[in-house]
Amino acid sequence: MAQARIRKVRVRRDLGTQVEVNAGVKEGDRVILNPAVNLPEGGETAFSSSYRHRI
């Protein structure tokens, strides 16, 4: 299990279905793209290894 943390990111380009982020995440970070409304700061979450975004 991992803990969810809210971070500000800086979007370099919005490509419609993809965005380029140039600040706020680092290599190896896992990103929740569409978090549940009720996911609290520090809430525990599990990640599926079958779907990954390149960071």
PDB file of N, CA and C in Angstrom:
ATOM      1  N   MET A   1       0.846  -1.186   0.000  1.00  0.00           N
ATOM      2  CA  MET A   1       0.000   0.000   0.000  1.00  0.00           C
ATOM      3  C   MET A   1       0.888   1.245   0.000  1.00  0.00           C
ATOM      4  N   ALA A   2       0.361   2.291  -0.575  1.00  0.00           N
ATOM      5  CA  ALA A   2       1.063   3.574  -0.628  1.00  0.00           C
ATOM      6  C   ALA A   2       0.146   4.657  -0.093  1.00  0.00           C
ATOM      7  N   GLN A   3       0.742   5.772   0.299  1.00  0.00           N
ATOM      8  CA  GLN A   3      -0.058   6.887   0.787  1.00  0.00           C
ATOM      9  C   GLN A   3      -0.171   7.955  -0.302  1.00  0.00           C
ATOM     10  N   ALA A   4      -1.390   8.454  -0.487  1.00  0.00           N
ATOM     11  CA  ALA A   4      -1.647   9.497  -1.483  1.00  0.00           C
ATOM     12  C   ALA A   4      -1.275  10.857  -0.906  1.00  0.00           C
ATOM     13  N   ARG A   5      -0.587  11.657  -1.694  1.00  0.00           N
ATOM     14  CA  ARG A   5      -0.209  13.015  -1.306  1.00  0.00           C
ATOM     15  C   ARG A   5      -0.617  13.973  -2.418  1.00  0.00           C
ATOM     16  N   ILE A   6      -1.162  15.102  -2.033  1.00  0.00           N
ATOM     17  CA  ILE A   6      -1.539  16.119  -3.016  1.00  0.00           C
ATOM     18  C   ILE A   6      -0.321  17.005  -3.265  1.00  0.00           C
ATOM     19  N   ARG A   7       0.007  17.187  -4.534  1.00  0.00           N
ATOM     20  CA  ARG A   7       1.132  18.046  -4.913  1.00  0.00           C
ATOM     21  C   ARG A   7       0.708  18.961  -6.039  1.00  0.00           C
ATOM     22  N   LYS A   8       1.237  20.156  -6.016  1.00  0.00           N
ATOM     23  CA  LYS A   8       1.032  21.056  -7.146  1.00  0.00           C
ATOM     24  C   LYS A   8       2.026  20.659  -8.234  1.00  0.00           C
ATOM     25  N   VAL A   9       1.549  20.635  -9.461  1.00  0.00           N
ATOM     26  CA  VAL A   9       2.418  20.366 -10.605  1.00  0.00           C
ATOM     27  C   VAL A   9       2.298  21.521 -11.587  1.00  0.00           C
ATOM     28  N   ARG A  10       3.301  21.683 -12.414  1.00  0.00           N
ATOM     29  CA  ARG A  10       3.264  22.706 -13.450  1.00  0.00           C
ATOM     30  C   ARG A  10       3.135  22.003 -14.800  1.00  0.00           C
ATOM     31  N   VAL A  11       2.070  22.317 -15.502  1.00  0.00           N
ATOM     32  CA  VAL A  11       1.823  21.712 -16.810  1.00  0.00           C
ATOM     33  C   VAL A  11       2.507  22.552 -17.873  1.00  0.00           C
ATOM     34  N   ARG A  12       3.377  21.896 -18.625  1.00  0.00           N
ATOM     35  CA  ARG A  12       4.092  22.583 -19.705  1.00  0.00           C
ATOM     36  C   ARG A  12       3.207  22.689 -20.941  1.00  0.00           C
ATOM     37  N   ARG A  13       2.612  21.550 -21.327  1.00  0.00           N
ATOM     38  CA  ARG A  13       1.727  21.547 -22.502  1.00  0.00           C
ATOM     39  C   ARG A  13       0.553  20.632 -22.249  1.00  0.00           C
ATOM     40  N   ASP A  14      -0.610  21.065 -22.697  1.00  0.00           N
ATOM     41  CA  ASP A  14      -1.824  20.240 -22.638  1.00  0.00           C
ATOM     42  C   ASP A  14      -2.097  19.771 -24.048  1.00  0.00           C
ATOM     43  N   LEU A  15      -1.997  18.464 -24.258  1.00  0.00           N
ATOM     44  CA  LEU A  15      -2.148  17.886 -25.592  1.00  0.00           C
ATOM     45  C   LEU A  15      -3.522  17.229 -25.784  1.00  0.00           C
ATOM     46  N   GLY A  16      -4.471  17.584 -24.948  1.00  0.00           N
ATOM     47  CA  GLY A  16      -5.806  16.999 -25.053  1.00  0.00           C
ATOM     48  C   GLY A  16      -5.940  15.752 -24.205  1.00  0.00           C
ATOM     49  N   THR A  17      -5.457  14.620 -24.713  1.00  0.00           N
ATOM     50  CA  THR A  17      -5.539  13.365 -23.953  1.00  0.00           C
ATOM     51  C   THR A  17      -4.287  13.119 -23.123  1.00  0.00           C
ATOM     52  N   GLN A  18      -3.264  13.960 -23.277  1.00  0.00           N
ATOM     53  CA  GLN A  18      -2.018  13.845 -22.521  1.00  0.00           C
ATOM     54  C   GLN A  18      -1.575  15.238 -22.108  1.00  0.00           C
ATOM     55  N   VAL A  19      -0.798  15.305 -21.030  1.00  0.00           N
ATOM     56  CA  VAL A  19      -0.186  16.570 -20.632  1.00  0.00           C
ATOM     57  C   VAL A  19       1.287  16.336 -20.354  1.00  0.00           C
ATOM     58  N   GLU A  20       2.087  17.357 -20.582  1.00  0.00           N
ATOM     59  CA  GLU A  20       3.495  17.332 -20.207  1.00  0.00           C
ATOM     60  C   GLU A  20       3.638  18.137 -18.933  1.00  0.00           C
ATOM     61  N   VAL A  21       4.180  17.507 -17.902  1.00  0.00           N
ATOM     62  CA  VAL A  21       4.381  18.163 -16.613  1.00  0.00           C
ATOM     63  C   VAL A  21       5.872  18.418 -16.465  1.00  0.00           C
ATOM     64  N   ASN A  22       6.245  19.682 -16.173  1.00  0.00           N
ATOM     65  CA  ASN A  22       7.674  19.976 -16.058  1.00  0.00           C
ATOM     66  C   ASN A  22       8.104  20.354 -14.648  1.00  0.00           C
ATOM     67  N   ALA A  23       7.216  20.229 -13.670  1.00  0.00           N
ATOM     68  CA  ALA A  23       7.599  20.471 -12.273  1.00  0.00           C
ATOM     69  C   ALA A  23       6.564  19.827 -11.355  1.00  0.00           C
ATOM     70  N   GLY A  24       7.024  19.326 -10.217  1.00  0.00           N
ATOM     71  CA  GLY A  24       6.116  18.793  -9.216  1.00  0.00           C
ATOM     72  C   GLY A  24       6.135  17.285  -9.067  1.00  0.00           C
ATOM     73  N   VAL A  25       6.713  16.580 -10.023  1.00  0.00           N
ATOM     74  CA  VAL A  25       6.887  15.129  -9.924  1.00  0.00           C
ATOM     75  C   VAL A  25       8.316  14.790 -10.318  1.00  0.00           C
ATOM     76  N   LYS A  26       8.769  13.647  -9.853  1.00  0.00           N
ATOM     77  CA  LYS A  26      10.119  13.214 -10.212  1.00  0.00           C
ATOM     78  C   LYS A  26      10.065  11.779 -10.729  1.00  0.00           C
ATOM     79  N   GLU A  27      11.128  11.358 -11.348  1.00  0.00           N
ATOM     80  CA  GLU A  27      11.190  10.007 -11.887  1.00  0.00           C
ATOM     81  C   GLU A  27      10.898   8.994 -10.798  1.00  0.00           C
ATOM     82  N   GLY A  28      10.035   8.050 -11.100  1.00  0.00           N
ATOM     83  CA  GLY A  28       9.679   7.006 -10.149  1.00  0.00           C
ATOM     84  C   GLY A  28       8.411   7.299  -9.363  1.00  0.00           C
ATOM     85  N   ASP A  29       7.947   8.556  -9.379  1.00  0.00           N
ATOM     86  CA  ASP A  29       6.688   8.882  -8.702  1.00  0.00           C
ATOM     87  C   ASP A  29       5.534   8.163  -9.377  1.00  0.00           C
ATOM     88  N   ARG A  30       4.555   7.773  -8.591  1.00  0.00           N
ATOM     89  CA  ARG A  30       3.316   7.208  -9.123  1.00  0.00           C
ATOM     90  C   ARG A  30       2.267   8.294  -9.043  1.00  0.00           C
ATOM     91  N   VAL A  31       1.495   8.429 -10.095  1.00  0.00           N
ATOM     92  CA  VAL A  31       0.545   9.536 -10.212  1.00  0.00           C
ATOM     93  C   VAL A  31      -0.871   9.005 -10.293  1.00  0.00           C
ATOM     94  N   ILE A  32      -1.756   9.564  -9.496  1.00  0.00           N
ATOM     95  CA  ILE A  32      -3.182   9.239  -9.573  1.00  0.00           C
ATOM     96  C   ILE A  32      -3.812  10.299 -10.458  1.00  0.00           C
ATOM     97  N   LEU A  33      -4.243   9.893 -11.641  1.00  0.00           N
ATOM     98  CA  LEU A  33      -4.758  10.855 -12.613  1.00  0.00           C
ATOM     99  C   LEU A  33      -6.176  11.319 -12.300  1.00  0.00           C
ATOM    100  N   ASN A  34      -7.002  10.439 -11.835  1.00  0.00           N
ATOM    101  CA  ASN A  34      -8.390  10.774 -11.512  1.00  0.00           C
ATOM    102  C   ASN A  34      -8.733  10.208 -10.141  1.00  0.00           C
ATOM    103  N   PRO A  35      -8.286  10.891  -9.084  1.00  0.00           N
ATOM    104  CA  PRO A  35      -8.516  10.348  -7.739  1.00  0.00           C
ATOM    105  C   PRO A  35      -9.985  10.391  -7.357  1.00  0.00           C
ATOM    106  N   ALA A  36     -10.379   9.487  -6.496  1.00  0.00           N
ATOM    107  CA  ALA A  36     -11.740   9.499  -5.958  1.00  0.00           C
ATOM    108  C   ALA A  36     -11.942  10.779  -5.156  1.00  0.00           C
ATOM    109  N   VAL A  37     -13.121  11.318  -5.211  1.00  0.00           N
ATOM    110  CA  VAL A  37     -13.432  12.547  -4.501  1.00  0.00           C
ATOM    111  C   VAL A  37     -13.179  12.403  -3.005  1.00  0.00           C
ATOM    112  N   ASN A  38     -13.404  11.211  -2.472  1.00  0.00           N
ATOM    113  CA  ASN A  38     -13.271  11.002  -1.033  1.00  0.00           C
ATOM    114  C   ASN A  38     -11.905  10.441  -0.624  1.00  0.00           C
ATOM    115  N   LEU A  39     -10.891  10.486  -1.504  1.00  0.00           N
ATOM    116  CA  LEU A  39      -9.548  10.026  -1.145  1.00  0.00           C
ATOM    117  C   LEU A  39      -8.877  11.113  -0.310  1.00  0.00           C
ATOM    118  N   PRO A  40      -8.625  10.852   0.972  1.00  0.00           N
ATOM    119  CA  PRO A  40      -8.054  11.895   1.830  1.00  0.00           C
ATOM    120  C   PRO A  40      -6.544  12.022   1.646  1.00  0.00           C
ATOM    121  N   GLU A  41      -5.999  13.172   2.008  1.00  0.00           N
ATOM    122  CA  GLU A  41      -4.554  13.382   2.036  1.00  0.00           C
ATOM    123  C   GLU A  41      -3.936  12.326   2.942  1.00  0.00           C
ATOM    124  N   GLY A  42      -2.959  11.601   2.437  1.00  0.00           N
ATOM    125  CA  GLY A  42      -2.313  10.549   3.214  1.00  0.00           C
ATOM    126  C   GLY A  42      -3.082   9.241   3.235  1.00  0.00           C
ATOM    127  N   GLY A  43      -4.205   9.203   2.506  1.00  0.00           N
ATOM    128  CA  GLY A  43      -5.006   7.981   2.462  1.00  0.00           C
ATOM    129  C   GLY A  43      -4.252   6.854   1.782  1.00  0.00           C
ATOM    130  N   GLU A  44      -4.484   5.647   2.236  1.00  0.00           N
ATOM    131  CA  GLU A  44      -3.800   4.500   1.648  1.00  0.00           C
ATOM    132  C   GLU A  44      -4.455   4.100   0.343  1.00  0.00           C
ATOM    133  N   THR A  45      -3.628   3.751  -0.617  1.00  0.00           N
ATOM    134  CA  THR A  45      -4.113   3.347  -1.927  1.00  0.00           C
ATOM    135  C   THR A  45      -3.202   2.256  -2.479  1.00  0.00           C
ATOM    136  N   ALA A  46      -3.719   1.485  -3.387  1.00  0.00           N
ATOM    137  CA  ALA A  46      -2.939   0.448  -4.059  1.00  0.00           C
ATOM    138  C   ALA A  46      -2.855   0.796  -5.535  1.00  0.00           C
ATOM    139  N   PHE A  47      -1.753   0.443  -6.164  1.00  0.00           N
ATOM    140  CA  PHE A  47      -1.555   0.719  -7.581  1.00  0.00           C
ATOM    141  C   PHE A  47      -1.545  -0.577  -8.363  1.00  0.00           C
ATOM    142  N   SER A  48      -2.154  -0.538  -9.512  1.00  0.00           N
ATOM    143  CA  SER A  48      -2.125  -1.678 -10.418  1.00  0.00           C
ATOM    144  C   SER A  48      -0.832  -1.621 -11.222  1.00  0.00           C
ATOM    145  N   SER A  49      -0.145  -2.713 -11.318  1.00  0.00           N
ATOM    146  CA  SER A  49       1.097  -2.736 -12.094  1.00  0.00           C
ATOM    147  C   SER A  49       0.834  -2.915 -13.585  1.00  0.00           C
ATOM    148  N   SER A  50      -0.423  -3.141 -13.957  1.00  0.00           N
ATOM    149  CA  SER A  50      -0.742  -3.402 -15.360  1.00  0.00           C
ATOM    150  C   SER A  50      -0.867  -2.142 -16.197  1.00  0.00           C
ATOM    151  N   TYR A  51      -0.996  -0.983 -15.565  1.00  0.00           N
ATOM    152  CA  TYR A  51      -1.163   0.271 -16.318  1.00  0.00           C
ATOM    153  C   TYR A  51      -0.231   1.325 -15.730  1.00  0.00           C
ATOM    154  N   ARG A  52       0.717   1.774 -16.518  1.00  0.00           N
ATOM    155  CA  ARG A  52       1.691   2.739 -16.024  1.00  0.00           C
ATOM    156  C   ARG A  52       1.836   3.895 -16.996  1.00  0.00           C
ATOM    157  N   HIS A  53       2.024   5.076 -16.436  1.00  0.00           N
ATOM    158  CA  HIS A  53       2.348   6.252 -17.226  1.00  0.00           C
ATOM    159  C   HIS A  53       3.831   6.520 -17.072  1.00  0.00           C
ATOM    160  N   ARG A  54       4.448   6.965 -18.123  1.00  0.00           N
ATOM    161  CA  ARG A  54       5.865   7.266 -18.065  1.00  0.00           C
ATOM    162  C   ARG A  54       6.083   8.602 -17.376  1.00  0.00           C
ATOM    163  N   ILE A  55       6.882   8.602 -16.339  1.00  0.00           N
ATOM    164  CA  ILE A  55       7.223   9.824 -15.606  1.00  0.00           C
ATOM    165  C   ILE A  55       8.710  10.067 -15.776  1.00  0.00           C
TER     166      ILE A  55
END
